[in-house]
Amino acid sequence: MKRSILTKTLIVVALSLGALSGAYAKGQQAPQYPNTHREAPQNDLRSQRDSQQLQEGFNALNKGAKQKAVEILGKLLNNTSSKYAKAMALRGLAQIKLNAHQYSMALPLLQKALNLNSMPNNAYFNTMLTIAQVQAQSEQWRPALTTLQKWMKEGDKQSGKAYALQGNIFYRLNQYQNAINSMKQALGLSKNAPESWQQILMASYFELGQYAEAAKLEETILAVHPGNKKVLGNLVNIYIKANEPAKALAAMADAKARGVFSTEKDYLKLAKLYVYIAQNENDTKKEKKEAIQAAQTLQEGINIGIVKPGLKPYKLMGNAYYLAGNYKQAMAAWSKASPFATNGEVDFTLGNVQMQDGQYRKGQTTLHKALKRGVKRVGAAWILIGNADINLRNHKGAIYAYRQAAKHPATRVAAEKWLRGQRRGR
């Protein structure tokens, strides 16, 4: 499994950006950070007018009247002398930016609010936690980790979501053991943890080569969601990396049998897995069986209309039959692939095998077609054409073909050697 595949599937663990909601409320709130040693500052909001403006600003924000909220809170921020009012106004303005996913604009507002050090503990630490998440959302992984760990130390609060965020950050920083430790703590503190947390834990195990642990987690998720093809794909990749292709094949075949396969991509993946196993299997009998199953899987997909006739399925089918030693069906499949190709690579393969099968004239025709459409191994194509002429006793044709082959670096030495031999023979 490529790490990039897993990395792209993992999103930032979601700590609610709504941590700022209810930022301003009259009266005392229950302490969310009872163990902190921070001494909350005295509220310096004395002006009734400022208090009223702050309330109006948040009322507008909660009702979705963004422009009105910006005007009220912006005006308050510029005119009040209260650090508390300034901090809360900044939080409100930041919330508007967060709602619009304008994280880079929200971050400095949140930081200014925190730096005023004028908010009560609930608002202060929730702001710090939000900063950590916004930094992570913006892929500022190291600043996010610094902020989050400061929140953990100063707030002295156990939170599954916070540990999950920390685990995600550690994963992004390639600190996989730290990620594992954090995610275990997160899962231990949360009864109904999102499956994305388990995915981060699984990915961290995978990166450390602990495939058995990674597989256990993915198997558990697949058991809950047997139709989730992303989870299935991850599990198959883990099995392949752990050198357990039989398990990978069993998982894919079971999914197909359960009707999970619904797209061409599903059938192509299964066929490729059959081919992979066939290519890496020492037992030639098993190799033939798996290769034939690959071709049969593709043909089944075509027959039921899920796999559309095209280059990829027919080319793969040809490769599978060739691997199984069934050259006739391999050539038939590549012949079907050829019209869909944009170059002559499939024709080159087909012509080569036709030559091996003794079909020299047909092979020559196919190889000339390949050259006309464009191939990477131009010299090799001419060598094959020349060999066909030799077998057809067309000496002049062979000399011409080998002279063409001599023009290309990859075949120059071999072609010139043959040509010298012909000159000496005369």
Protein backbone atom coordinates (compact mmCIF):
# COMPACT_ATOMS: atom_id res chain seq x y z
CA MET A 1 0.00 0.00 0.00
CA LYS A 2 1.38 3.40 -0.83
CA ARG A 3 1.37 5.79 2.04
CA SER A 4 -0.05 8.51 -0.15
CA ILE A 5 -3.22 6.48 -0.60
CA LEU A 6 -3.85 6.34 3.11
CA THR A 7 -2.77 9.90 3.71
CA LYS A 8 -5.28 11.25 1.22
CA THR A 9 -8.11 9.34 2.80
CA LEU A 10 -7.50 10.78 6.23
CA ILE A 11 -8.94 14.16 7.07
CA VAL A 12 -8.21 16.39 10.04
CA VAL A 13 -10.00 14.98 13.05
CA ALA A 14 -12.96 17.26 13.55
CA LEU A 15 -12.97 19.24 16.75
CA SER A 16 -16.01 21.43 16.42
CA LEU A 17 -15.19 24.83 15.06
CA GLY A 18 -18.37 25.74 16.88
CA ALA A 19 -16.34 25.91 20.06
CA LEU A 20 -16.91 29.65 19.79
CA SER A 21 -20.70 29.36 19.73
CA GLY A 22 -22.28 30.81 22.82
CA ALA A 23 -19.12 32.80 23.31
CA TYR A 24 -20.93 35.54 25.10
CA ALA A 25 -23.53 34.83 27.70
CA LYS A 26 -24.68 36.59 30.80
CA GLY A 27 -24.24 34.92 34.15
CA GLN A 28 -21.90 32.21 35.34
CA GLN A 29 -21.13 29.14 33.22
CA ALA A 30 -20.22 25.72 34.56
CA PRO A 31 -16.42 25.37 34.57
CA GLN A 32 -15.18 23.22 31.70
CA TYR A 33 -11.61 23.29 32.99
CA PRO A 34 -11.91 22.66 36.72
CA ASN A 35 -8.32 21.43 37.09
CA THR A 36 -6.57 24.39 35.49
CA HIS A 37 -4.17 26.49 37.54
CA ARG A 38 -4.88 29.57 35.45
CA GLU A 39 -6.43 32.32 37.51
CA ALA A 40 -9.20 33.85 35.47
CA PRO A 41 -8.86 37.66 35.11
CA GLN A 42 -11.51 40.02 36.39
CA ASN A 43 -14.08 41.01 33.82
CA ASP A 44 -13.38 44.65 33.02
CA LEU A 45 -16.60 45.18 31.05
CA ARG A 46 -18.29 48.07 32.86
CA SER A 47 -20.11 49.92 30.09
CA GLN A 48 -23.76 49.02 29.70
CA ARG A 49 -23.63 50.19 26.11
CA ASP A 50 -20.64 47.97 25.31
CA SER A 51 -22.37 45.05 26.96
CA GLN A 52 -25.51 45.67 24.93
CA GLN A 53 -23.52 45.96 21.69
CA LEU A 54 -21.72 42.70 22.41
CA GLN A 55 -25.01 40.94 23.01
CA GLU A 56 -26.52 42.40 19.84
CA GLY A 57 -23.49 41.34 17.82
CA PHE A 58 -23.74 37.74 18.96
CA ASN A 59 -27.49 37.71 18.51
CA ALA A 60 -26.97 38.75 14.88
CA LEU A 61 -24.24 36.12 14.49
CA ASN A 62 -26.46 33.35 15.86
CA LYS A 63 -29.29 34.38 13.50
CA GLY A 64 -26.96 34.25 10.50
CA ALA A 65 -27.01 38.02 9.92
CA LYS A 66 -23.32 38.07 9.06
CA GLN A 67 -23.02 41.62 7.77
CA LYS A 68 -24.89 43.07 10.74
CA ALA A 69 -22.74 41.08 13.15
CA VAL A 70 -19.55 42.29 11.45
CA GLU A 71 -20.67 45.92 11.67
CA ILE A 72 -21.68 45.73 15.35
CA LEU A 73 -18.69 43.72 16.55
CA GLY A 74 -16.24 45.68 14.40
CA LYS A 75 -17.50 48.95 15.79
CA LEU A 76 -17.31 47.65 19.35
CA LEU A 77 -13.76 46.39 18.81
CA ASN A 78 -12.62 49.84 17.66
CA ASN A 79 -14.38 51.86 20.36
CA THR A 80 -14.39 49.88 23.60
CA SER A 81 -11.70 50.17 26.23
CA SER A 82 -12.62 46.80 27.75
CA LYS A 83 -10.14 44.01 27.00
CA TYR A 84 -12.86 41.48 27.70
CA ALA A 85 -15.20 43.10 25.17
CA LYS A 86 -12.38 43.29 22.61
CA ALA A 87 -11.53 39.61 23.06
CA MET A 88 -15.14 38.53 22.74
CA ALA A 89 -15.70 40.71 19.69
CA LEU A 90 -12.61 39.19 18.09
CA ARG A 91 -13.99 35.72 18.81
CA GLY A 92 -17.26 36.64 17.15
CA LEU A 93 -15.53 38.04 14.08
CA ALA A 94 -13.36 34.94 13.93
CA GLN A 95 -16.45 32.74 14.07
CA ILE A 96 -17.79 34.48 10.97
CA LYS A 97 -14.56 33.69 9.13
CA LEU A 98 -14.65 30.11 10.34
CA ASN A 99 -18.22 29.70 9.14
CA ALA A 100 -17.01 30.80 5.70
CA HIS A 101 -14.01 28.40 5.89
CA GLN A 102 -11.67 31.39 5.74
CA TYR A 103 -9.24 29.83 8.21
CA SER A 104 -6.25 32.01 7.37
CA MET A 105 -8.34 35.10 8.20
CA ALA A 106 -9.82 33.62 11.37
CA LEU A 107 -6.50 32.58 12.87
CA PRO A 108 -5.04 36.05 13.62
CA LEU A 109 -8.36 37.16 15.13
CA LEU A 110 -8.38 34.18 17.48
CA GLN A 111 -4.74 34.72 18.38
CA LYS A 112 -5.38 38.40 19.20
CA ALA A 113 -8.30 37.41 21.39
CA LEU A 114 -6.15 34.92 23.25
CA ASN A 115 -3.23 37.31 23.65
CA LEU A 116 -5.44 39.86 25.43
CA ASN A 117 -5.59 37.32 28.29
CA SER A 118 -8.88 38.84 29.41
CA MET A 119 -11.35 35.98 28.97
CA PRO A 120 -12.65 33.58 31.60
CA ASN A 121 -11.22 30.08 31.55
CA ASN A 122 -13.94 28.49 29.44
CA ALA A 123 -13.63 31.04 26.65
CA TYR A 124 -9.84 31.27 26.96
CA PHE A 125 -9.12 27.55 26.65
CA ASN A 126 -11.82 26.94 24.04
CA THR A 127 -10.22 29.67 21.95
CA MET A 128 -6.82 28.03 22.33
CA LEU A 129 -8.28 24.67 21.33
CA THR A 130 -9.91 26.22 18.28
CA ILE A 131 -6.60 27.81 17.27
CA ALA A 132 -4.96 24.38 17.40
CA GLN A 133 -7.63 22.93 15.17
CA VAL A 134 -7.54 25.79 12.69
CA GLN A 135 -3.76 25.45 12.47
CA ALA A 136 -4.20 21.73 11.78
CA GLN A 137 -6.93 22.44 9.25
CA SER A 138 -4.43 24.71 7.50
CA GLU A 139 -1.77 21.96 7.68
CA GLN A 140 0.38 23.99 10.06
CA TRP A 141 1.19 20.78 11.87
CA ARG A 142 4.00 21.85 14.21
CA PRO A 143 2.33 25.10 15.37
CA ALA A 144 -0.88 23.10 15.85
CA LEU A 145 0.95 20.56 18.01
CA THR A 146 2.55 23.31 20.10
CA THR A 147 -0.80 25.02 20.67
CA LEU A 148 -2.60 21.79 21.46
CA GLN A 149 0.00 20.60 23.93
CA LYS A 150 -0.11 23.98 25.64
CA TRP A 151 -3.90 23.59 25.90
CA MET A 152 -3.45 20.13 27.40
CA LYS A 153 -0.88 21.30 29.94
CA GLU A 154 -2.50 24.56 31.02
CA GLY A 155 -6.11 23.45 30.75
CA ASP A 156 -5.34 20.10 32.40
CA LYS A 157 -8.29 18.41 30.72
CA GLN A 158 -8.71 14.88 29.35
CA SER A 159 -10.44 14.91 25.98
CA GLY A 160 -10.81 12.14 23.43
CA LYS A 161 -11.18 14.67 20.62
CA ALA A 162 -8.01 16.49 21.65
CA TYR A 163 -5.99 13.27 21.78
CA ALA A 164 -7.41 12.31 18.39
CA LEU A 165 -6.32 15.65 16.97
CA GLN A 166 -2.88 15.15 18.50
CA GLY A 167 -2.69 11.66 17.01
CA ASN A 168 -3.60 13.01 13.60
CA ILE A 169 -0.93 15.69 13.86
CA PHE A 170 1.69 13.14 14.92
CA TYR A 171 0.70 11.01 11.93
CA ARG A 172 1.19 13.96 9.57
CA LEU A 173 4.60 14.59 11.12
CA ASN A 174 5.58 10.93 10.54
CA GLN A 175 5.78 10.33 14.29
CA TYR A 176 3.82 7.11 14.06
CA GLN A 177 4.44 5.64 17.52
CA ASN A 178 3.34 8.91 19.11
CA ALA A 179 0.29 8.81 16.84
CA ILE A 180 -0.52 5.30 18.04
CA ASN A 181 -0.20 6.30 21.68
CA SER A 182 -2.43 9.34 21.20
CA MET A 183 -5.10 7.48 19.26
CA LYS A 184 -5.25 4.74 21.90
CA GLN A 185 -5.85 7.41 24.53
CA ALA A 186 -8.48 9.04 22.33
CA LEU A 187 -10.33 5.78 21.78
CA GLY A 188 -10.12 4.94 25.47
CA LEU A 189 -11.81 8.23 26.38
CA SER A 190 -14.60 8.00 23.79
CA LYS A 191 -17.43 5.48 23.73
CA ASN A 192 -18.65 6.36 20.24
CA ALA A 193 -15.46 7.38 18.49
CA PRO A 194 -15.61 8.16 14.76
CA GLU A 195 -14.15 5.45 12.55
CA SER A 196 -11.68 7.99 11.18
CA TRP A 197 -9.85 7.68 14.50
CA GLN A 198 -9.39 3.97 13.94
CA GLN A 199 -8.21 4.72 10.41
CA ILE A 200 -5.44 6.96 11.77
CA LEU A 201 -4.45 4.27 14.26
CA MET A 202 -4.49 1.66 11.51
CA ALA A 203 -2.42 3.87 9.20
CA SER A 204 0.15 4.45 11.93
CA TYR A 205 0.49 0.72 12.55
CA PHE A 206 0.89 0.26 8.81
CA GLU A 207 3.68 2.84 8.54
CA LEU A 208 5.61 1.06 11.30
CA GLY A 209 5.24 -2.26 9.52
CA GLN A 210 2.90 -3.63 12.18
CA TYR A 211 0.63 -5.14 9.56
CA ALA A 212 -1.11 -7.64 11.84
CA GLU A 213 -2.34 -4.82 14.09
CA ALA A 214 -3.34 -2.71 11.10
CA ALA A 215 -5.26 -5.62 9.58
CA LYS A 216 -7.14 -6.31 12.83
CA LEU A 217 -8.45 -2.76 12.93
CA GLU A 218 -9.46 -2.74 9.27
CA GLU A 219 -11.13 -6.14 9.61
CA THR A 220 -13.16 -4.78 12.51
CA ILE A 221 -14.30 -1.77 10.48
CA LEU A 222 -15.12 -3.94 7.46
CA ALA A 223 -17.21 -6.24 9.64
CA VAL A 224 -19.33 -3.23 10.66
CA HIS A 225 -19.49 -1.84 7.11
CA PRO A 226 -19.11 -4.85 4.79
CA GLY A 227 -20.03 -2.78 1.75
CA ASN A 228 -17.41 -0.06 2.28
CA LYS A 229 -15.07 -0.43 -0.68
CA LYS A 230 -12.52 2.06 0.65
CA VAL A 231 -12.07 -0.03 3.80
CA LEU A 232 -11.92 -3.17 1.68
CA GLY A 233 -9.23 -1.61 -0.50
CA ASN A 234 -7.16 -0.63 2.54
CA LEU A 235 -7.44 -4.15 3.96
CA VAL A 236 -6.40 -5.72 0.67
CA ASN A 237 -3.40 -3.40 0.46
CA ILE A 238 -2.39 -4.31 4.02
CA TYR A 239 -2.57 -8.02 3.21
CA ILE A 240 -0.44 -7.50 0.09
CA LYS A 241 2.15 -5.54 2.04
CA ALA A 242 2.16 -8.23 4.72
CA ASN A 243 2.85 -10.80 1.97
CA GLU A 244 -0.52 -12.49 2.49
CA PRO A 245 -2.03 -12.31 -1.01
CA ALA A 246 -4.32 -15.27 -0.32
CA LYS A 247 -6.10 -13.25 2.37
CA ALA A 248 -6.33 -10.28 0.04
CA LEU A 249 -7.88 -12.43 -2.65
CA ALA A 250 -10.31 -14.02 -0.19
CA ALA A 251 -11.49 -10.59 0.95
CA MET A 252 -12.01 -9.40 -2.63
CA ALA A 253 -13.71 -12.60 -3.78
CA ASP A 254 -16.02 -12.49 -0.76
CA ALA A 255 -16.98 -8.89 -1.55
CA LYS A 256 -17.77 -9.87 -5.13
CA ALA A 257 -19.85 -12.82 -3.97
CA ARG A 258 -21.82 -10.53 -1.65
CA GLY A 259 -22.69 -8.21 -4.51
CA VAL A 260 -20.45 -5.37 -3.37
CA PHE A 261 -18.89 -5.02 -6.82
CA SER A 262 -20.78 -2.47 -8.85
CA THR A 263 -18.20 -0.73 -11.03
CA GLU A 264 -15.66 -1.55 -13.70
CA LYS A 265 -12.94 -0.49 -11.30
CA ASP A 266 -14.00 -3.24 -8.87
CA TYR A 267 -13.65 -5.95 -11.51
CA LEU A 268 -10.33 -4.59 -12.73
CA LYS A 269 -8.94 -4.58 -9.19
CA LEU A 270 -9.93 -8.21 -8.64
CA ALA A 271 -8.51 -9.27 -11.98
CA LYS A 272 -5.24 -7.45 -11.26
CA LEU A 273 -5.05 -9.21 -7.90
CA TYR A 274 -5.48 -12.59 -9.59
CA VAL A 275 -2.70 -11.68 -12.02
CA TYR A 276 -0.48 -10.45 -9.18
CA ILE A 277 -0.87 -13.74 -7.36
CA ALA A 278 -0.28 -15.72 -10.55
CA GLN A 279 2.91 -13.80 -11.30
CA ASN A 280 4.26 -14.36 -7.80
CA GLU A 281 3.16 -17.99 -7.39
CA ASN A 282 5.88 -20.64 -7.71
CA ASP A 283 3.46 -23.48 -8.43
CA THR A 284 2.79 -23.35 -12.18
CA LYS A 285 -0.56 -25.12 -11.78
CA LYS A 286 -1.79 -22.48 -9.38
CA GLU A 287 -0.33 -19.81 -11.63
CA LYS A 288 -2.47 -21.03 -14.52
CA LYS A 289 -5.57 -21.25 -12.33
CA GLU A 290 -5.27 -17.71 -10.95
CA ALA A 291 -4.43 -16.24 -14.33
CA ILE A 292 -7.45 -17.88 -15.94
CA GLN A 293 -9.64 -16.63 -13.09
CA ALA A 294 -8.43 -13.11 -13.84
CA ALA A 295 -9.50 -13.42 -17.46
CA GLN A 296 -12.81 -15.01 -16.49
CA THR A 297 -13.53 -12.21 -14.00
CA LEU A 298 -13.08 -9.62 -16.72
CA GLN A 299 -15.20 -11.56 -19.20
CA GLU A 300 -17.95 -11.90 -16.59
CA GLY A 301 -17.90 -8.15 -16.01
CA ILE A 302 -18.15 -7.53 -19.75
CA ASN A 303 -20.97 -10.05 -20.13
CA ILE A 304 -23.13 -8.40 -17.46
CA GLY A 305 -22.38 -4.90 -18.74
CA ILE A 306 -20.45 -3.55 -15.76
CA VAL A 307 -17.10 -3.69 -17.54
CA LYS A 308 -17.19 -1.77 -20.79
CA PRO A 309 -15.22 -3.12 -23.76
CA GLY A 310 -12.02 -1.11 -23.89
CA LEU A 311 -8.25 -1.02 -23.75
CA LYS A 312 -7.74 -1.75 -20.05
CA PRO A 313 -9.96 -4.82 -19.67
CA TYR A 314 -8.95 -6.45 -22.95
CA LYS A 315 -5.25 -5.74 -22.46
CA LEU A 316 -5.37 -7.15 -18.93
CA MET A 317 -7.35 -10.14 -20.18
CA GLY A 318 -4.69 -10.79 -22.81
CA ASN A 319 -1.93 -10.57 -20.23
CA ALA A 320 -3.80 -13.01 -17.98
CA TYR A 321 -4.32 -15.59 -20.73
CA TYR A 322 -0.69 -15.26 -21.79
CA LEU A 323 0.42 -15.84 -18.20
CA ALA A 324 -1.79 -18.94 -18.15
CA GLY A 325 -0.10 -20.20 -21.31
CA ASN A 326 -3.23 -19.81 -23.42
CA TYR A 327 -1.70 -17.84 -26.29
CA LYS A 328 -4.63 -18.19 -28.65
CA GLN A 329 -7.04 -16.46 -26.26
CA ALA A 330 -4.34 -13.95 -25.28
CA MET A 331 -3.97 -12.92 -28.91
CA ALA A 332 -7.74 -12.71 -29.30
CA ALA A 333 -7.99 -10.40 -26.30
CA TRP A 334 -5.15 -8.15 -27.46
CA SER A 335 -6.76 -7.97 -30.90
CA LYS A 336 -9.89 -6.61 -29.21
CA ALA A 337 -7.79 -4.13 -27.20
CA SER A 338 -5.98 -2.74 -30.25
CA PRO A 339 -8.80 -0.56 -31.67
CA PHE A 340 -9.10 1.23 -28.33
CA ALA A 341 -5.36 1.99 -28.07
CA THR A 342 -3.90 5.40 -28.85
CA ASN A 343 -0.47 3.98 -29.79
CA GLY A 344 1.05 0.75 -31.04
CA GLU A 345 2.14 -0.84 -27.74
CA VAL A 346 -0.63 -3.43 -27.68
CA ASP A 347 0.01 -4.19 -31.35
CA PHE A 348 3.71 -4.70 -30.56
CA THR A 349 2.82 -7.24 -27.87
CA LEU A 350 0.33 -8.96 -30.15
CA GLY A 351 2.75 -9.09 -33.09
CA ASN A 352 5.49 -10.50 -30.88
CA VAL A 353 3.28 -13.35 -29.68
CA GLN A 354 2.00 -14.00 -33.21
CA MET A 355 5.62 -14.42 -34.22
CA GLN A 356 6.20 -16.83 -31.33
CA ASP A 357 3.18 -18.78 -32.56
CA GLY A 358 4.70 -19.06 -36.06
CA GLN A 359 2.24 -16.61 -37.64
CA TYR A 360 5.03 -14.70 -39.39
CA ARG A 361 3.08 -12.82 -42.02
CA LYS A 362 0.32 -11.84 -39.62
CA GLY A 363 2.95 -10.87 -37.05
CA GLN A 364 4.73 -8.66 -39.58
CA THR A 365 1.48 -6.90 -40.47
CA THR A 366 0.72 -6.27 -36.82
CA LEU A 367 4.23 -4.99 -36.10
CA HIS A 368 4.13 -2.60 -39.07
CA LYS A 369 0.83 -1.34 -37.69
CA ALA A 370 2.51 -0.89 -34.29
CA LEU A 371 5.32 1.15 -35.84
CA LYS A 372 2.87 3.32 -37.72
CA ARG A 373 0.89 4.04 -34.51
CA GLY A 374 4.02 4.60 -32.43
CA VAL A 375 5.95 2.32 -30.07
CA LYS A 376 8.74 2.83 -27.57
CA ARG A 377 10.81 -0.15 -28.80
CA VAL A 378 11.11 0.76 -32.46
CA GLY A 379 14.36 -1.14 -32.96
CA ALA A 380 12.93 -4.27 -31.36
CA ALA A 381 9.92 -4.13 -33.69
CA TRP A 382 12.23 -4.04 -36.72
CA ILE A 383 14.27 -6.96 -35.35
CA LEU A 384 11.08 -9.00 -35.06
CA ILE A 385 10.01 -8.02 -38.56
CA GLY A 386 13.46 -9.03 -39.80
CA ASN A 387 13.22 -12.38 -38.02
CA ALA A 388 9.87 -12.99 -39.72
CA ASP A 389 11.48 -12.32 -43.10
CA ILE A 390 14.26 -14.76 -42.25
CA ASN A 391 11.70 -17.47 -41.48
CA LEU A 392 9.82 -16.55 -44.65
CA ARG A 393 13.12 -16.72 -46.59
CA ASN A 394 12.81 -13.09 -47.65
CA HIS A 395 16.50 -12.18 -47.44
CA LYS A 396 16.16 -8.66 -48.86
CA GLY A 397 13.32 -7.89 -46.51
CA ALA A 398 15.36 -9.11 -43.53
CA ILE A 399 18.35 -6.94 -44.51
CA TYR A 400 16.11 -3.88 -44.83
CA ALA A 401 14.52 -4.54 -41.42
CA TYR A 402 17.87 -5.03 -39.69
CA ARG A 403 19.22 -1.85 -41.25
CA GLN A 404 16.26 -0.04 -39.74
CA ALA A 405 16.95 -1.67 -36.39
CA ALA A 406 20.58 -0.54 -36.57
CA LYS A 407 19.42 3.08 -36.48
CA HIS A 408 18.25 2.70 -32.86
CA PRO A 409 20.65 2.54 -29.88
CA ALA A 410 18.91 -0.35 -28.11
CA THR A 411 19.24 -2.69 -31.11
CA ARG A 412 22.20 -1.20 -32.99
CA VAL A 413 24.84 -3.68 -31.82
CA ALA A 414 22.74 -6.79 -32.47
CA ALA A 415 21.54 -5.54 -35.84
CA GLU A 416 25.01 -4.56 -37.05
CA LYS A 417 26.41 -7.92 -35.94
CA TRP A 418 23.80 -9.75 -38.00
CA LEU A 419 24.39 -7.51 -40.98
CA ARG A 420 28.17 -8.11 -40.82
CA GLY A 421 27.49 -11.82 -40.77
CA GLN A 422 25.44 -11.51 -43.93
CA ARG A 423 28.21 -9.59 -45.67
CA ARG A 424 30.79 -12.21 -44.71
CA GLY A 425 28.43 -14.95 -45.85
CA ARG A 426 28.32 -13.49 -49.32
